[in-house]
Amino acid sequence: MGRVRGWPALTAATLGTLLSGCYSGMGDFDPSAQGGDPAQDSQGPEGDDAGDDAGDDSGDGETVDCSAGPSVGVAPLRRLTRSEYDNTVRDLLGDTTQPAHNNFSPDEAYGGFAANAIAPISQTQLDEYAAAADSLSTTFVETGLGDYVDCPLSDTACATQFVTEFGRRAFRRPLEPVEVDEYVALYEDTRGAWDGATGFRLVVEAMLMSPNFLYQVQTVPDGASESDIIPVLPYELASRVSYFVWSSMPDDALLTAAGAGELDTPEGLEAQIRRMLDDDRAADTIASFTEQWMHLEGLGDKVKDAELFPQWSPALAESMEHEVLGFADEVIRKGDGSLETLLTASWTMGDEAVAELYGVAGPEGQGEGGFGRIELPADERAGLLTQVGFLATNAHAAENSWVHRGLFVRENLLCQTLAAPPIGVEVNDANDAGRLENEECRGCHQMIDPIGWAFDDYDPLGMFVDEGEPGEVSASEVGAFDDVVALAGALATDPMVHDCMATQWFRYAARRAETPADSCALDQIKANFGASGQDIRELIVAVAMSEAFLYHKASE
């Protein structure tokens, strides 16, 4: 089978240790030792237009030859994110209580997206996993073990069948014979001490605590040298694809395709990716990407001036977030999939509370939660940049924020990373035109503030404030525009934005920043995205079929 980077083979002794709530073999495990730079935070790689020089060099001064075979960047071993964990136990156990969202420590950000690939796992996190595994396994057995068992729980043959079938789904691959034997032995020991139901519960609990469940596994074939770039094994590729397209575990059809060798051909892999994009579970990935890319996490915790904005509440914040995510899903999965539509549409998906902020009639033909399509004034609203969720997120308590709104355009739509404020410079939350007069601040703020000024037409809740002088955008390569609506239209057709969107989806899929070694793959992804007319669905397919997705290094 080869070896798994990061931990030894799971043994019966390890199982006993896992059940006690302690990872003796994992406590000192440090994913950052697998490669990557822990200092690389959510801001992405350093330097303007990061990732746009694809194909130039491999990081050691040498040019990457894209005809010389696959070239891939560092892919650190990573744990499931909170949303991935919740979606996985939903699909594996039928549990919808979202234990990770409610009880787990926050995810690490790497390359701008949740990754959990930097710091060693902590005792606190182990305790969280142990508590969840105990609760989930207990409920799972008490409610009948789903569709997995139709035989006596006191029967070893029944347990063997369960271990084989449930284990295949929990570990996203068939179990090795020795693994089956070990889990069956755990069941038999527990049955002897207590009963068969308890034996099943401890088997489930042990599997939920296993690194094979909690981590995205990368196996290195025996005999591989450290410099080898090797194909991702079929079952591991199935997991890569599934956690990218669904933010959850593979289904039986994908696992069967992996076992049958169907993922070994481009045609077979593409067929599975497109099948998955047509499934409603793809909505989870659209929401996960959009929420992180648009910085919507924690919107409900934002503070707004109660005297100026008495309508602000957690419920309104939830409606705002639901609007952005619902709009993205409507465009990407149900609409034309176009980046241009995402950035320029004069309609959205909202409820009565959101419509009131826009000053328009509520949705007709309301769907779940009272949400439906809302038509917006075309001279005030254009896509994501003018939606109230984005505007409220990027604002202060009593005024909007030139810095936050302008910086978003620079970093998230143009993939430019600006330097942090100089040491010793006073940082404040107020808009301050004087920063352009300060020599230490001017370099960055002349790139940020002129874009942010254009958003002065939108208050801290995102409501349009017509003061007769619409904000004007004027910032180097961005161009000069009368307002944000014009800016959004220009951004939608800008090749820099197209390339940046391709890069953002690559970062989300890889859960890391791009490196020069990824340049050949990223060039091809950008080319395919362009050929599709900037269709986000085709971008997802291109990323999942790229060599950066299909290969990994034997040693990171």
Protein backbone atom coordinates (compact mmCIF):
# COMPACT_ATOMS: atom_id res chain seq x y z
CA MET A 1 0.00 0.00 0.00
CA GLY A 2 2.90 2.36 0.67
CA ARG A 3 3.23 4.76 3.55
CA VAL A 4 1.13 7.68 4.65
CA ARG A 5 3.05 10.87 5.24
CA GLY A 6 2.71 12.02 8.84
CA TRP A 7 1.83 8.92 10.89
CA PRO A 8 2.69 5.22 11.25
CA ALA A 9 0.29 2.43 10.43
CA LEU A 10 -2.75 2.31 12.72
CA THR A 11 -2.40 -0.52 15.24
CA ALA A 12 -4.60 -2.10 17.88
CA ALA A 13 -2.55 -0.31 20.52
CA THR A 14 -3.14 2.99 18.76
CA LEU A 15 -6.88 2.31 18.77
CA GLY A 16 -6.86 1.91 22.51
CA THR A 17 -4.97 5.16 22.87
CA LEU A 18 -7.39 6.98 20.58
CA LEU A 19 -10.34 5.79 22.63
CA SER A 20 -8.74 7.24 25.75
CA GLY A 21 -8.79 10.64 24.03
CA CYS A 22 -5.05 11.00 23.46
CA TYR A 23 -3.08 10.75 20.21
CA SER A 24 0.21 9.34 21.46
CA GLY A 25 1.34 8.96 17.87
CA MET A 26 -0.06 12.29 16.73
CA GLY A 27 0.52 14.69 19.62
CA ASP A 28 3.86 15.82 18.23
CA PHE A 29 2.80 15.64 14.61
CA ASP A 30 3.49 18.92 12.85
CA PRO A 31 1.90 19.32 9.38
CA SER A 32 4.18 22.28 8.71
CA ALA A 33 7.05 19.80 8.60
CA GLN A 34 5.42 18.44 5.46
CA GLY A 35 6.19 21.69 3.65
CA GLY A 36 4.82 25.17 3.38
CA ASP A 37 5.49 28.34 5.27
CA PRO A 38 3.56 28.81 8.52
CA ALA A 39 4.17 32.51 8.18
CA GLN A 40 2.10 32.51 5.00
CA ASP A 41 -1.21 33.82 6.32
CA SER A 42 -4.57 34.52 4.77
CA GLN A 43 -3.20 37.44 2.80
CA GLY A 44 -1.71 35.15 0.17
CA PRO A 45 1.76 35.33 -1.37
CA GLU A 46 3.84 38.44 -1.15
CA GLY A 47 4.18 40.93 -3.98
CA ASP A 48 1.77 42.58 -6.37
CA ASP A 49 0.10 40.34 -8.92
CA ALA A 50 1.16 37.26 -6.98
CA GLY A 51 0.67 34.18 -9.09
CA ASP A 52 0.43 36.10 -12.34
CA ASP A 53 3.99 35.29 -13.39
CA ALA A 54 3.14 31.63 -13.87
CA GLY A 55 5.75 29.63 -15.72
CA ASP A 56 8.65 31.89 -14.80
CA ASP A 57 10.64 30.04 -12.16
CA SER A 58 10.52 27.15 -9.77
CA GLY A 59 11.50 29.08 -6.69
CA ASP A 60 15.23 28.36 -7.01
CA GLY A 61 15.91 30.71 -9.91
CA GLU A 62 15.38 28.06 -12.58
CA THR A 63 12.74 28.32 -15.28
CA VAL A 64 9.95 25.75 -15.14
CA ASP A 65 9.79 23.71 -18.33
CA CYS A 66 6.11 22.88 -18.76
CA SER A 67 6.94 20.20 -21.34
CA ALA A 68 9.18 18.29 -18.94
CA GLY A 69 6.40 16.56 -17.03
CA PRO A 70 4.21 17.48 -14.06
CA SER A 71 5.38 20.23 -11.74
CA VAL A 72 3.54 20.70 -8.46
CA GLY A 73 3.97 22.85 -5.39
CA VAL A 74 4.09 21.85 -1.77
CA ALA A 75 0.87 20.19 -0.58
CA PRO A 76 0.96 19.99 3.22
CA LEU A 77 -1.02 17.29 4.96
CA ARG A 78 -4.20 18.82 6.32
CA ARG A 79 -7.11 18.07 8.59
CA LEU A 80 -10.73 18.46 7.61
CA THR A 81 -12.04 21.96 8.11
CA ARG A 82 -15.04 22.51 10.33
CA SER A 83 -17.45 22.69 7.41
CA GLU A 84 -15.90 19.58 5.86
CA TYR A 85 -16.21 17.71 9.14
CA ASP A 86 -19.87 18.69 9.55
CA ASN A 87 -20.71 17.79 5.96
CA THR A 88 -18.87 14.48 6.30
CA VAL A 89 -20.71 13.33 9.43
CA ARG A 90 -23.93 14.44 7.76
CA ASP A 91 -23.24 12.19 4.76
CA LEU A 92 -21.65 9.37 6.76
CA LEU A 93 -23.93 9.25 9.81
CA GLY A 94 -26.96 11.31 8.84
CA ASP A 95 -26.10 13.78 11.62
CA THR A 96 -27.04 17.42 10.99
CA THR A 97 -26.16 18.94 14.38
CA GLN A 98 -22.97 20.59 13.02
CA PRO A 99 -20.72 19.61 15.94
CA ALA A 100 -17.63 21.18 14.37
CA HIS A 101 -19.27 24.55 13.69
CA ASN A 102 -20.67 24.68 17.22
CA ASN A 103 -17.83 23.19 19.25
CA PHE A 104 -14.50 23.05 17.39
CA SER A 105 -11.68 25.58 17.50
CA PRO A 106 -11.53 27.98 14.52
CA ASP A 107 -9.85 26.74 11.35
CA GLU A 108 -6.40 27.95 10.34
CA ALA A 109 -6.25 30.15 7.27
CA TYR A 110 -3.63 29.36 4.66
CA GLY A 111 -3.56 31.02 1.23
CA GLY A 112 -6.73 32.92 2.13
CA PHE A 113 -8.90 29.89 2.94
CA ALA A 114 -9.45 27.47 5.81
CA ALA A 115 -6.83 24.76 5.56
CA ASN A 116 -5.70 23.29 8.91
CA ALA A 117 -2.27 22.49 7.47
CA ILE A 118 0.10 24.62 9.54
CA ALA A 119 0.19 24.09 13.29
CA PRO A 120 0.51 20.76 15.11
CA ILE A 121 -2.73 19.42 16.47
CA SER A 122 -3.34 20.63 20.02
CA GLN A 123 -4.66 18.84 23.08
CA THR A 124 -7.70 21.11 22.99
CA GLN A 125 -8.47 19.99 19.44
CA LEU A 126 -7.98 16.34 20.39
CA ASP A 127 -10.45 16.79 23.22
CA GLU A 128 -12.93 18.38 20.81
CA TYR A 129 -12.60 15.46 18.38
CA ALA A 130 -12.95 12.95 21.22
CA ALA A 131 -16.11 14.59 22.57
CA ALA A 132 -17.64 14.73 19.10
CA ALA A 133 -16.73 11.11 18.34
CA ASP A 134 -18.27 9.96 21.63
CA SER A 135 -21.50 11.89 21.08
CA LEU A 136 -21.84 11.04 17.38
CA SER A 137 -21.16 7.32 17.83
CA THR A 138 -23.61 7.07 20.73
CA THR A 139 -26.41 8.74 18.79
CA PHE A 140 -25.61 6.73 15.66
CA VAL A 141 -25.97 3.40 17.46
CA GLU A 142 -29.01 4.50 19.44
CA THR A 143 -30.81 5.50 16.23
CA GLY A 144 -30.13 2.19 14.50
CA LEU A 145 -26.81 2.60 12.63
CA GLY A 146 -28.50 4.06 9.58
CA ASP A 147 -28.68 1.73 6.58
CA TYR A 148 -25.45 -0.06 7.43
CA VAL A 149 -26.74 -2.91 9.60
CA ASP A 150 -29.55 -5.42 9.06
CA CYS A 151 -28.24 -8.21 11.25
CA PRO A 152 -27.81 -9.05 14.97
CA LEU A 153 -25.40 -6.69 16.77
CA SER A 154 -24.13 -9.67 18.77
CA ASP A 155 -22.88 -11.44 15.64
CA THR A 156 -19.19 -11.20 14.68
CA ALA A 157 -20.06 -11.73 11.01
CA CYS A 158 -22.40 -8.74 11.25
CA ALA A 159 -19.66 -6.64 12.83
CA THR A 160 -17.19 -7.70 10.14
CA GLN A 161 -19.59 -6.64 7.42
CA PHE A 162 -20.17 -3.32 9.17
CA VAL A 163 -16.46 -2.63 9.67
CA THR A 164 -15.83 -3.34 5.98
CA GLU A 165 -18.67 -1.23 4.59
CA PHE A 166 -18.68 1.61 7.10
CA GLY A 167 -14.88 1.76 7.14
CA ARG A 168 -14.77 2.13 3.35
CA ARG A 169 -16.87 5.25 3.60
CA ALA A 170 -15.32 6.67 6.77
CA PHE A 171 -11.74 6.28 5.49
CA ARG A 172 -12.74 7.01 1.87
CA ARG A 173 -11.05 3.79 0.70
CA PRO A 174 -11.33 0.02 1.30
CA LEU A 175 -9.78 -1.08 4.57
CA GLU A 176 -6.72 -3.31 4.53
CA PRO A 177 -7.37 -6.86 5.88
CA VAL A 178 -5.27 -6.10 8.97
CA GLU A 179 -7.39 -3.02 9.67
CA VAL A 180 -10.59 -5.04 9.42
CA ASP A 181 -9.15 -7.60 11.83
CA GLU A 182 -8.16 -4.92 14.34
CA TYR A 183 -11.54 -3.22 14.37
CA VAL A 184 -13.36 -6.55 14.60
CA ALA A 185 -11.07 -7.49 17.52
CA LEU A 186 -12.02 -4.21 19.21
CA TYR A 187 -15.68 -5.08 18.72
CA GLU A 188 -15.25 -8.59 20.12
CA ASP A 189 -13.33 -7.40 23.18
CA THR A 190 -15.99 -4.80 23.90
CA ARG A 191 -18.86 -7.22 23.31
CA GLY A 192 -17.29 -9.61 25.78
CA ALA A 193 -17.03 -6.91 28.42
CA TRP A 194 -20.35 -5.19 27.73
CA ASP A 195 -22.55 -6.01 24.71
CA GLY A 196 -22.65 -5.96 20.92
CA ALA A 197 -24.18 -2.47 20.66
CA THR A 198 -21.34 -1.04 22.74
CA GLY A 199 -18.89 -2.87 20.49
CA PHE A 200 -20.38 -1.17 17.43
CA ARG A 201 -20.29 2.19 19.19
CA LEU A 202 -16.61 1.91 20.05
CA VAL A 203 -15.76 0.87 16.50
CA VAL A 204 -17.50 3.97 15.15
CA GLU A 205 -15.88 6.16 17.83
CA ALA A 206 -12.42 4.80 17.02
CA MET A 207 -12.88 5.38 13.29
CA LEU A 208 -14.05 8.96 13.89
CA MET A 209 -10.88 9.56 15.92
CA SER A 210 -8.58 7.97 13.37
CA PRO A 211 -6.19 10.15 11.34
CA ASN A 212 -7.57 8.29 8.31
CA PHE A 213 -10.89 10.02 8.98
CA LEU A 214 -9.68 13.40 10.21
CA TYR A 215 -7.00 14.02 7.59
CA GLN A 216 -6.77 14.28 3.82
CA VAL A 217 -4.40 11.35 3.34
CA GLN A 218 -1.50 11.36 0.86
CA THR A 219 0.18 7.99 0.35
CA VAL A 220 3.73 7.61 -0.93
CA PRO A 221 4.44 4.32 -2.77
CA ASP A 222 7.22 2.15 -1.36
CA GLY A 223 10.52 2.90 -3.05
CA ALA A 224 9.64 6.46 -4.10
CA SER A 225 12.48 8.94 -3.81
CA GLU A 226 12.05 12.29 -2.10
CA SER A 227 12.15 14.22 -5.38
CA ASP A 228 9.56 12.08 -7.17
CA ILE A 229 6.34 13.68 -8.37
CA ILE A 230 3.77 10.90 -8.28
CA PRO A 231 0.13 10.52 -9.27
CA VAL A 232 -2.39 10.84 -6.49
CA LEU A 233 -3.79 7.35 -5.87
CA PRO A 234 -7.35 6.76 -7.12
CA TYR A 235 -9.14 6.72 -3.75
CA GLU A 236 -7.16 9.73 -2.55
CA LEU A 237 -8.00 11.53 -5.78
CA ALA A 238 -11.67 10.74 -5.16
CA SER A 239 -11.34 12.46 -1.78
CA ARG A 240 -9.52 15.45 -3.27
CA VAL A 241 -12.26 15.89 -5.85
CA SER A 242 -15.06 15.35 -3.38
CA TYR A 243 -13.78 17.73 -0.72
CA PHE A 244 -13.25 20.32 -3.44
CA VAL A 245 -16.55 20.01 -5.33
CA TRP A 246 -18.78 19.01 -2.38
CA SER A 247 -16.84 20.01 0.75
CA SER A 248 -17.64 16.49 1.91
CA MET A 249 -16.73 12.84 1.56
CA PRO A 250 -17.00 10.87 -1.70
CA ASP A 251 -20.27 9.06 -2.33
CA ASP A 252 -20.50 5.39 -3.25
CA ALA A 253 -20.53 6.17 -6.98
CA LEU A 254 -17.24 8.08 -6.76
CA LEU A 255 -15.58 5.42 -4.60
CA THR A 256 -16.74 2.74 -7.02
CA ALA A 257 -15.37 4.74 -9.95
CA ALA A 258 -12.03 5.06 -8.13
CA GLY A 259 -11.89 1.30 -7.53
CA ALA A 260 -12.76 0.55 -11.14
CA GLY A 261 -9.97 2.76 -12.49
CA GLU A 262 -12.39 5.26 -14.03
CA LEU A 263 -10.56 8.21 -12.47
CA ASP A 264 -7.35 7.16 -14.23
CA THR A 265 -8.56 8.65 -17.52
CA PRO A 266 -9.36 12.32 -18.17
CA GLU A 267 -12.74 11.32 -19.60
CA GLY A 268 -13.70 9.28 -16.57
CA LEU A 269 -12.54 11.94 -14.12
CA GLU A 270 -14.33 14.73 -15.95
CA ALA A 271 -17.55 12.72 -16.05
CA GLN A 272 -17.46 12.34 -12.27
CA ILE A 273 -16.67 16.02 -11.67
CA ARG A 274 -19.57 17.14 -13.85
CA ARG A 275 -21.91 14.63 -12.20
CA MET A 276 -20.96 16.08 -8.83
CA LEU A 277 -21.42 19.67 -9.99
CA ASP A 278 -24.99 18.76 -10.95
CA ASP A 279 -25.65 17.45 -7.43
CA ASP A 280 -27.12 19.75 -4.78
CA ARG A 281 -24.12 19.05 -2.54
CA ALA A 282 -22.08 21.31 -4.81
CA ALA A 283 -23.92 24.18 -3.12
CA ASP A 284 -21.79 23.56 -0.02
CA THR A 285 -18.58 24.34 -1.91
CA ILE A 286 -20.07 27.41 -3.61
CA ALA A 287 -21.11 28.70 -0.18
CA SER A 288 -17.80 27.82 1.47
CA PHE A 289 -15.72 29.54 -1.21
CA THR A 290 -17.95 32.61 -1.37
CA GLU A 291 -18.15 33.09 2.39
CA GLN A 292 -14.37 32.98 2.78
CA TRP A 293 -13.49 34.88 -0.39
CA MET A 294 -15.99 37.64 0.47
CA HIS A 295 -14.89 37.72 4.15
CA LEU A 296 -18.41 37.07 5.42
CA GLU A 297 -17.38 35.01 8.44
CA GLY A 298 -18.29 36.85 11.61
CA LEU A 299 -20.67 39.28 9.92
CA GLY A 300 -23.12 38.79 12.78
CA ASP A 301 -20.47 39.87 15.28
CA LYS A 302 -19.93 43.23 13.60
CA VAL A 303 -20.74 46.24 15.75
CA LYS A 304 -22.84 49.04 14.26
CA ASP A 305 -23.76 52.33 15.91
CA ALA A 306 -27.10 51.62 17.61
CA GLU A 307 -28.26 55.24 17.35
CA LEU A 308 -27.51 55.55 13.65
CA PHE A 309 -28.56 52.02 12.70
CA PRO A 310 -31.22 50.76 15.13
CA GLN A 311 -32.28 48.07 12.63
CA TRP A 312 -28.94 46.26 12.93
CA SER A 313 -29.26 42.83 14.53
CA PRO A 314 -27.86 39.29 14.26
CA ALA A 315 -30.98 38.34 12.33
CA LEU A 316 -30.37 41.09 9.76
CA ALA A 317 -26.73 40.03 9.47
CA GLU A 318 -27.88 36.46 8.80
CA SER A 319 -30.20 37.71 6.05
CA MET A 320 -27.31 39.66 4.51
CA GLU A 321 -25.04 36.63 4.52
CA HIS A 322 -27.80 34.43 3.16
CA GLU A 323 -28.28 36.95 0.35
CA VAL A 324 -24.66 36.83 -0.84
CA LEU A 325 -24.43 33.04 -0.64
CA GLY A 326 -27.82 32.55 -2.26
CA PHE A 327 -26.95 34.93 -5.08
CA ALA A 328 -23.65 33.13 -5.77
CA ASP A 329 -25.42 29.78 -5.82
CA GLU A 330 -28.15 31.09 -8.10
CA VAL A 331 -25.59 32.40 -10.60
CA ILE A 332 -23.07 29.55 -10.50
CA ARG A 333 -25.21 26.44 -10.13
CA LYS A 334 -28.55 27.52 -11.54
CA GLY A 335 -27.73 30.43 -13.83
CA ASP A 336 -25.15 31.15 -16.50
CA GLY A 337 -22.18 30.57 -14.17
CA SER A 338 -20.57 33.77 -15.42
CA LEU A 339 -18.09 35.85 -13.46
CA GLU A 340 -19.52 38.88 -15.25
CA THR A 341 -22.96 38.14 -13.83
CA LEU A 342 -21.49 37.81 -10.33
CA LEU A 343 -19.93 41.25 -10.65
CA THR A 344 -22.59 43.20 -12.59
CA ALA A 345 -26.07 41.77 -12.00
CA SER A 346 -28.71 44.30 -10.97
CA TRP A 347 -30.69 41.66 -9.08
CA THR A 348 -30.07 39.56 -6.02
CA MET A 349 -31.58 36.82 -3.84
CA GLY A 350 -32.96 38.23 -0.59
CA ASP A 351 -35.84 38.49 1.86
CA GLU A 352 -38.01 41.39 3.04
CA ALA A 353 -35.35 42.64 5.46
CA VAL A 354 -32.73 42.84 2.72
CA ALA A 355 -35.17 44.42 0.27
CA GLU A 356 -35.91 47.15 2.79
CA LEU A 357 -32.23 48.07 2.91
CA TYR A 358 -32.24 48.38 -0.87
CA GLY A 359 -35.43 50.43 -0.79
CA VAL A 360 -37.23 48.08 -3.17
CA ALA A 361 -40.16 45.67 -3.05
CA GLY A 362 -39.64 42.30 -1.44
CA PRO A 363 -39.18 39.09 -3.43
CA GLU A 364 -41.98 37.52 -5.40
CA GLY A 365 -42.44 33.78 -5.38
CA GLN A 366 -40.53 33.43 -2.14
CA GLY A 367 -38.67 30.22 -1.50
CA GLU A 368 -37.27 28.71 1.69
CA GLY A 369 -36.89 31.25 4.48
CA GLY A 370 -38.75 33.93 2.53
CA PHE A 371 -35.90 34.39 0.07
CA GLY A 372 -36.41 35.05 -3.61
CA ARG A 373 -35.22 37.15 -6.51
CA ILE A 374 -35.17 40.92 -5.97
CA GLU A 375 -34.73 43.45 -8.77
CA LEU A 376 -32.41 46.33 -7.90
CA PRO A 377 -31.81 49.84 -9.34
CA ALA A 378 -29.25 49.36 -12.10
CA ASP A 379 -27.68 52.77 -11.45
CA GLU A 380 -27.03 51.86 -7.79
CA ARG A 381 -26.29 48.15 -7.72
CA ALA A 382 -24.00 45.85 -9.66
CA GLY A 383 -23.25 42.40 -8.33
CA LEU A 384 -21.33 41.34 -5.26
CA LEU A 385 -19.52 44.62 -4.63
CA THR A 386 -22.76 46.50 -4.02
CA GLN A 387 -24.59 43.85 -2.01
CA VAL A 388 -25.33 44.86 1.57
CA GLY A 389 -23.57 41.83 3.06
CA PHE A 390 -20.24 42.77 1.50
CA LEU A 391 -20.67 46.47 2.26
CA ALA A 392 -21.65 45.92 5.91
CA THR A 393 -18.73 43.52 6.42
CA ASN A 394 -16.28 46.08 5.08
CA ALA A 395 -17.37 49.03 7.19
CA HIS A 396 -16.92 50.48 10.66
CA ALA A 397 -19.57 51.03 13.30
CA ALA A 398 -20.53 54.55 12.24
CA GLU A 399 -18.94 55.03 8.83
CA ASN A 400 -17.89 53.01 5.83
CA SER A 401 -14.27 52.00 5.32
CA TRP A 402 -12.21 53.18 2.36
CA VAL A 403 -9.43 50.82 3.41
CA HIS A 404 -11.46 47.63 3.80
CA ARG A 405 -13.48 48.11 0.65
CA GLY A 406 -10.56 49.28 -1.47
CA LEU A 407 -8.25 46.61 -0.12
CA PHE A 408 -10.77 43.90 -1.00
CA VAL A 409 -10.68 44.93 -4.65
CA ARG A 410 -6.88 44.96 -4.64
CA GLU A 411 -6.36 41.66 -2.86
CA ASN A 412 -9.40 39.54 -3.74
CA LEU A 413 -10.19 40.70 -7.27
CA LEU A 414 -6.73 41.70 -8.51
CA CYS A 415 -4.67 39.29 -6.37
CA GLN A 416 -2.34 42.05 -5.26
CA THR A 417 -0.90 41.92 -1.74
CA LEU A 418 0.04 45.19 -0.08
CA ALA A 419 2.57 45.56 2.70
CA ALA A 420 1.49 45.82 6.32
CA PRO A 421 1.58 49.29 7.92
CA PRO A 422 5.09 50.35 8.95
CA ILE A 423 6.07 49.61 12.53
CA GLY A 424 5.20 52.49 14.82
CA VAL A 425 2.59 54.03 12.54
CA GLU A 426 -0.67 54.69 14.34
CA VAL A 427 -3.49 52.62 12.85
CA ASN A 428 -7.06 53.85 13.31
CA ASP A 429 -10.44 52.74 12.06
CA ALA A 430 -11.56 56.14 10.77
CA ASN A 431 -11.40 57.25 7.15
CA ASP A 432 -8.54 59.70 6.93
CA ALA A 433 -7.61 61.57 3.76
CA GLY A 434 -4.43 62.70 5.50
CA ARG A 435 -2.90 59.26 5.02
CA LEU A 436 -2.14 60.25 1.43
CA GLU A 437 0.01 63.08 2.77
CA ASN A 438 1.99 60.80 5.06
CA GLU A 439 5.11 59.55 3.28
CA GLU A 440 5.09 56.27 5.23
CA CYS A 441 1.47 55.54 4.36
CA ARG A 442 1.09 57.05 0.91
CA GLY A 443 2.55 54.13 -1.06
CA CYS A 444 -0.23 51.74 -0.11
CA HIS A 445 -3.08 54.16 0.49
CA GLN A 446 -2.80 55.74 -2.95
CA MET A 447 -3.64 52.25 -4.24
CA ILE A 448 -6.43 51.60 -1.74
CA ASP A 449 -8.20 54.84 -0.85
CA PRO A 450 -9.20 56.07 -4.33
CA ILE A 451 -11.07 52.81 -4.83
CA GLY A 452 -12.54 52.97 -1.33
CA TRP A 453 -13.76 56.55 -1.86
CA ALA A 454 -16.12 55.31 -4.55
CA PHE A 455 -17.95 53.29 -1.90
CA ASP A 456 -18.85 56.47 0.01
CA ASP A 457 -22.23 56.19 -1.69
CA TYR A 458 -22.97 53.19 0.58
CA ASP A 459 -23.31 53.54 4.34
CA PRO A 460 -22.13 51.01 6.98
CA LEU A 461 -25.23 48.86 6.37
CA GLY A 462 -24.79 49.03 2.60
CA MET A 463 -27.71 51.36 2.00
CA PHE A 464 -27.31 53.78 -0.90
CA VAL A 465 -26.75 57.38 0.19
CA ASP A 466 -27.22 59.80 -2.69
CA GLU A 467 -25.42 62.98 -1.74
CA GLY A 468 -25.35 64.32 -5.27
CA GLU A 469 -21.63 63.64 -5.63
CA PRO A 470 -21.06 60.00 -6.49
CA GLY A 471 -17.69 58.61 -5.50
CA GLU A 472 -15.06 58.56 -8.20
CA VAL A 473 -12.63 55.70 -8.73
CA SER A 474 -9.18 56.64 -9.95
CA ALA A 475 -6.32 54.29 -9.17
CA SER A 476 -3.49 53.46 -11.58
CA GLU A 477 -4.27 50.34 -13.62
CA VAL A 478 -7.82 50.11 -12.29
CA GLY A 479 -8.73 53.17 -14.31
CA ALA A 480 -11.06 56.10 -13.68
CA PHE A 481 -14.81 55.61 -13.20
CA ASP A 482 -17.66 57.69 -11.94
CA ASP A 483 -18.93 55.12 -9.42
CA VAL A 484 -18.79 51.54 -8.22
CA VAL A 485 -21.31 50.35 -10.81
CA ALA A 486 -18.94 51.47 -13.56
CA LEU A 487 -15.99 50.01 -11.68
CA ALA A 488 -17.73 46.64 -11.38
CA GLY A 489 -18.42 46.57 -15.10
CA ALA A 490 -14.78 47.27 -15.87
CA LEU A 491 -13.53 44.67 -13.41
CA ALA A 492 -15.82 42.05 -14.95
CA THR A 493 -14.01 42.34 -18.28
CA ASP A 494 -10.48 42.83 -16.94
CA PRO A 495 -8.04 39.95 -17.71
CA MET A 496 -6.32 40.63 -14.38
CA VAL A 497 -9.56 39.90 -12.57
CA HIS A 498 -10.14 36.77 -14.66
CA ASP A 499 -6.70 35.47 -13.77
CA CYS A 500 -7.17 36.38 -10.13
CA MET A 501 -10.46 34.50 -9.93
CA ALA A 502 -8.76 31.42 -11.37
CA THR A 503 -6.03 31.83 -8.77
CA GLN A 504 -8.52 32.20 -5.94
CA TRP A 505 -10.29 28.97 -6.87
CA PHE A 506 -6.91 27.24 -7.13
CA ARG A 507 -6.03 28.45 -3.62
CA TYR A 508 -9.37 27.25 -2.31
CA ALA A 509 -8.96 23.80 -3.87
CA ALA A 510 -5.34 23.38 -2.79
CA ARG A 511 -5.91 25.12 0.56
CA ARG A 512 -2.62 26.92 0.13
CA ALA A 513 -1.09 29.78 -1.81
CA GLU A 514 0.25 29.07 -5.27
CA THR A 515 3.98 28.62 -5.73
CA PRO A 516 6.18 29.00 -8.82
CA ALA A 517 6.17 25.21 -9.13
CA ASP A 518 2.41 25.43 -9.79
CA SER A 519 2.92 27.86 -12.65
CA CYS A 520 2.31 25.42 -15.50
CA ALA A 521 -0.89 24.09 -13.97
CA LEU A 522 -2.12 27.59 -13.13
CA ASP A 523 -1.41 28.83 -16.64
CA GLN A 524 -3.57 26.04 -18.06
CA ILE A 525 -6.35 26.70 -15.55
CA LYS A 526 -6.39 30.38 -16.53
CA ALA A 527 -6.42 29.51 -20.21
CA ASN A 528 -9.35 27.12 -19.80
CA PHE A 529 -11.25 29.70 -17.76
CA GLY A 530 -10.73 32.27 -20.49
CA ALA A 531 -11.81 29.86 -23.22
CA SER A 532 -15.04 29.20 -21.33
CA GLY A 533 -15.95 32.89 -21.26
CA GLN A 534 -15.21 33.00 -17.51
CA ASP A 535 -17.71 30.29 -16.54
CA ILE A 536 -17.09 29.43 -12.87
CA ARG A 537 -18.32 25.88 -13.40
CA GLU A 538 -15.72 25.30 -16.10
CA LEU A 539 -13.12 26.84 -13.79
CA ILE A 540 -13.96 24.26 -11.12
CA VAL A 541 -13.58 21.47 -13.67
CA ALA A 542 -10.26 22.89 -14.86
CA VAL A 543 -8.85 23.10 -11.33
CA ALA A 544 -9.93 19.55 -10.46
CA MET A 545 -8.32 18.20 -13.64
CA SER A 546 -5.08 20.16 -13.35
CA GLU A 547 -1.74 18.44 -12.79
CA ALA A 548 -1.46 20.28 -9.47
CA PHE A 549 -4.56 18.37 -8.39
CA LEU A 550 -3.60 15.01 -9.91
CA TYR A 551 -0.01 14.80 -8.61
CA HIS A 552 1.91 15.38 -5.40
CA LYS A 553 5.50 15.25 -4.27
CA ALA A 554 6.80 12.14 -2.55
CA SER A 555 8.45 14.36 0.05
CA GLU A 556 7.22 17.81 0.97
